[in-house]
N, C-alpha and C. Protein backbone atom coordinates (compact mmCIF):
# COMPACT_ATOMS: atom_id res chain seq x y z
N MET A 1 75.88 71.32 98.55
CA MET A 1 77.32 71.52 98.46
C MET A 1 77.95 70.44 97.60
N PRO A 2 78.92 70.81 96.80
CA PRO A 2 79.63 69.77 96.03
C PRO A 2 80.53 68.94 96.92
N LYS A 3 80.85 67.77 96.44
CA LYS A 3 81.74 66.89 97.20
C LYS A 3 83.15 67.46 97.22
N MET A 4 83.86 67.21 98.33
CA MET A 4 85.27 67.61 98.41
C MET A 4 86.11 66.55 97.71
N LYS A 5 87.20 66.99 97.12
CA LYS A 5 88.06 66.05 96.41
C LYS A 5 89.14 65.49 97.32
N THR A 6 89.44 64.21 97.12
CA THR A 6 90.55 63.56 97.80
C THR A 6 91.81 63.82 96.99
N LYS A 7 92.93 64.14 97.68
CA LYS A 7 94.20 64.32 96.99
C LYS A 7 94.64 62.99 96.40
N SER A 8 94.91 62.96 95.10
CA SER A 8 95.29 61.71 94.44
C SER A 8 96.59 61.15 95.01
N SER A 9 97.52 62.05 95.36
CA SER A 9 98.79 61.57 95.91
C SER A 9 98.59 60.91 97.26
N ALA A 10 97.64 61.41 98.06
CA ALA A 10 97.40 60.86 99.39
C ALA A 10 96.74 59.48 99.31
N LYS A 11 95.81 59.30 98.40
CA LYS A 11 95.14 58.00 98.34
C LYS A 11 96.06 56.91 97.83
N LYS A 12 97.14 57.29 97.12
CA LYS A 12 98.11 56.30 96.67
C LYS A 12 99.11 55.94 97.77
N ARG A 13 99.33 56.82 98.72
CA ARG A 13 100.39 56.63 99.70
C ARG A 13 99.93 56.18 101.08
N PHE A 14 98.67 56.43 101.42
CA PHE A 14 98.21 56.19 102.78
C PHE A 14 96.97 55.31 102.79
N ARG A 15 96.82 54.54 103.88
CA ARG A 15 95.62 53.74 104.13
C ARG A 15 95.16 54.02 105.55
N MET A 16 93.86 53.88 105.79
CA MET A 16 93.32 54.09 107.12
C MET A 16 93.13 52.73 107.81
N THR A 17 93.39 52.70 109.11
CA THR A 17 93.12 51.50 109.90
C THR A 17 91.68 51.55 110.38
N ALA A 18 91.22 50.46 110.99
CA ALA A 18 89.85 50.40 111.48
C ALA A 18 89.62 51.38 112.62
N ASN A 19 90.68 51.70 113.38
CA ASN A 19 90.54 52.64 114.49
C ASN A 19 90.71 54.09 114.07
N GLY A 20 90.94 54.34 112.78
CA GLY A 20 91.06 55.71 112.30
C GLY A 20 92.47 56.24 112.24
N HIS A 21 93.47 55.39 112.48
CA HIS A 21 94.85 55.82 112.34
C HIS A 21 95.27 55.73 110.89
N VAL A 22 96.42 56.30 110.56
CA VAL A 22 96.90 56.32 109.18
C VAL A 22 98.14 55.44 109.07
N LYS A 23 98.09 54.50 108.10
CA LYS A 23 99.23 53.64 107.82
C LYS A 23 100.00 54.21 106.64
N ALA A 24 101.34 54.10 106.68
CA ALA A 24 102.17 54.58 105.58
C ALA A 24 103.43 53.73 105.49
N GLN A 25 104.08 53.82 104.34
CA GLN A 25 105.37 53.15 104.17
C GLN A 25 106.46 54.03 104.76
N PRO A 26 107.48 53.45 105.40
CA PRO A 26 108.60 54.27 105.86
C PRO A 26 109.34 54.90 104.69
N ALA A 27 109.92 56.06 104.90
CA ALA A 27 110.64 56.77 103.85
C ALA A 27 112.03 56.19 103.68
N GLY A 28 112.61 56.42 102.51
CA GLY A 28 114.00 56.09 102.28
C GLY A 28 114.27 54.73 101.68
N LYS A 29 113.26 54.10 101.04
CA LYS A 29 113.47 52.76 100.48
C LYS A 29 113.33 52.73 98.96
N ARG A 30 113.39 53.87 98.31
CA ARG A 30 113.17 53.86 96.86
C ARG A 30 114.43 53.53 96.07
N HIS A 31 115.54 54.14 96.44
CA HIS A 31 116.79 53.90 95.72
C HIS A 31 117.93 54.21 96.66
N GLY A 32 119.16 53.91 96.23
CA GLY A 32 120.33 54.18 97.04
C GLY A 32 120.48 53.25 98.22
N MET A 33 120.06 51.99 98.06
CA MET A 33 120.13 51.04 99.17
C MET A 33 121.58 50.71 99.54
N ILE A 34 122.51 50.91 98.61
CA ILE A 34 123.90 50.53 98.87
C ILE A 34 124.51 51.38 99.99
N LYS A 35 124.03 52.61 100.12
CA LYS A 35 124.58 53.49 101.16
C LYS A 35 123.82 53.40 102.47
N ARG A 36 122.71 52.68 102.51
CA ARG A 36 121.95 52.53 103.73
C ARG A 36 122.49 51.33 104.53
N SER A 37 122.37 51.41 105.83
CA SER A 37 122.82 50.28 106.65
C SER A 37 121.77 49.17 106.61
N ASN A 38 122.19 47.97 106.91
CA ASN A 38 121.27 46.84 106.94
C ASN A 38 120.22 47.03 108.02
N ASP A 39 120.59 47.67 109.13
CA ASP A 39 119.63 47.94 110.18
C ASP A 39 118.52 48.87 109.70
N PHE A 40 118.90 49.90 108.93
CA PHE A 40 117.91 50.84 108.40
C PHE A 40 116.94 50.13 107.46
N ILE A 41 117.50 49.33 106.56
CA ILE A 41 116.67 48.63 105.58
C ILE A 41 115.71 47.67 106.28
N ARG A 42 116.18 47.00 107.31
CA ARG A 42 115.34 46.06 108.04
C ARG A 42 114.23 46.79 108.79
N ASP A 43 114.57 47.92 109.39
CA ASP A 43 113.57 48.68 110.16
C ASP A 43 112.52 49.33 109.26
N ALA A 44 112.88 49.58 108.01
CA ALA A 44 111.96 50.27 107.10
C ALA A 44 111.07 49.31 106.33
N ARG A 45 111.02 48.06 106.73
CA ARG A 45 110.13 47.07 106.10
C ARG A 45 108.69 47.30 106.52
N GLY A 46 107.77 46.89 105.66
CA GLY A 46 106.36 46.90 106.04
C GLY A 46 105.77 48.29 106.12
N THR A 47 104.83 48.48 107.03
CA THR A 47 104.16 49.76 107.18
C THR A 47 104.31 50.25 108.61
N MET A 48 103.99 51.52 108.81
CA MET A 48 104.05 52.11 110.15
C MET A 48 102.81 52.98 110.35
N ILE A 49 102.50 53.27 111.59
CA ILE A 49 101.40 54.16 111.94
C ILE A 49 101.98 55.57 112.10
N LEU A 50 101.36 56.54 111.44
CA LEU A 50 101.86 57.91 111.52
C LEU A 50 101.59 58.52 112.89
N SER A 51 102.38 59.52 113.24
CA SER A 51 102.19 60.24 114.50
C SER A 51 100.94 61.12 114.40
N LYS A 52 100.46 61.59 115.52
CA LYS A 52 99.23 62.37 115.56
C LYS A 52 99.30 63.65 114.71
N PRO A 53 100.40 64.45 114.79
CA PRO A 53 100.43 65.65 113.94
C PRO A 53 100.43 65.34 112.45
N ASP A 54 101.16 64.29 112.04
CA ASP A 54 101.17 63.90 110.63
C ASP A 54 99.81 63.34 110.21
N GLU A 55 99.18 62.63 111.13
CA GLU A 55 97.87 62.05 110.85
C GLU A 55 96.84 63.13 110.56
N ARG A 56 96.88 64.23 111.31
CA ARG A 56 95.94 65.33 111.09
C ARG A 56 96.09 65.93 109.70
N ILE A 57 97.34 66.03 109.22
CA ILE A 57 97.58 66.59 107.88
C ILE A 57 97.01 65.67 106.82
N VAL A 58 97.27 64.36 106.94
CA VAL A 58 96.81 63.41 105.94
C VAL A 58 95.29 63.35 105.91
N LYS A 59 94.65 63.46 107.07
CA LYS A 59 93.19 63.38 107.11
C LYS A 59 92.53 64.57 106.43
N THR A 60 93.22 65.71 106.33
CA THR A 60 92.65 66.82 105.57
C THR A 60 92.71 66.53 104.07
N TYR A 61 93.67 65.72 103.65
CA TYR A 61 93.78 65.35 102.24
C TYR A 61 92.76 64.28 101.85
N MET A 62 92.30 63.50 102.83
CA MET A 62 91.37 62.40 102.55
C MET A 62 90.09 62.62 103.37
N PRO A 63 89.20 63.49 102.93
CA PRO A 63 88.07 63.89 103.77
C PRO A 63 87.05 62.78 104.03
N TYR A 64 86.94 61.78 103.17
CA TYR A 64 85.89 60.77 103.34
C TYR A 64 86.40 59.46 103.89
N ASP A 65 87.67 59.36 104.26
CA ASP A 65 88.25 58.11 104.77
C ASP A 65 88.50 58.20 106.26
N ARG A 66 87.58 58.73 107.02
CA ARG A 66 87.79 58.86 108.46
C ARG A 66 87.11 57.74 109.11
């Protein structure tokens, strides 16, 4: 069987933790910061662990990073 391809967009946006969870950046930090509250900007710092349903979707895009 040929190898399955990893989605290029997924490998740029997500990383796997050692326990198999998916890390991602919070949404909403690309532009338009002037209209966002300071609390939102502070909470959207760093990375977050995706929820289980979102994690299942991302893992189908990255077949070899489990």
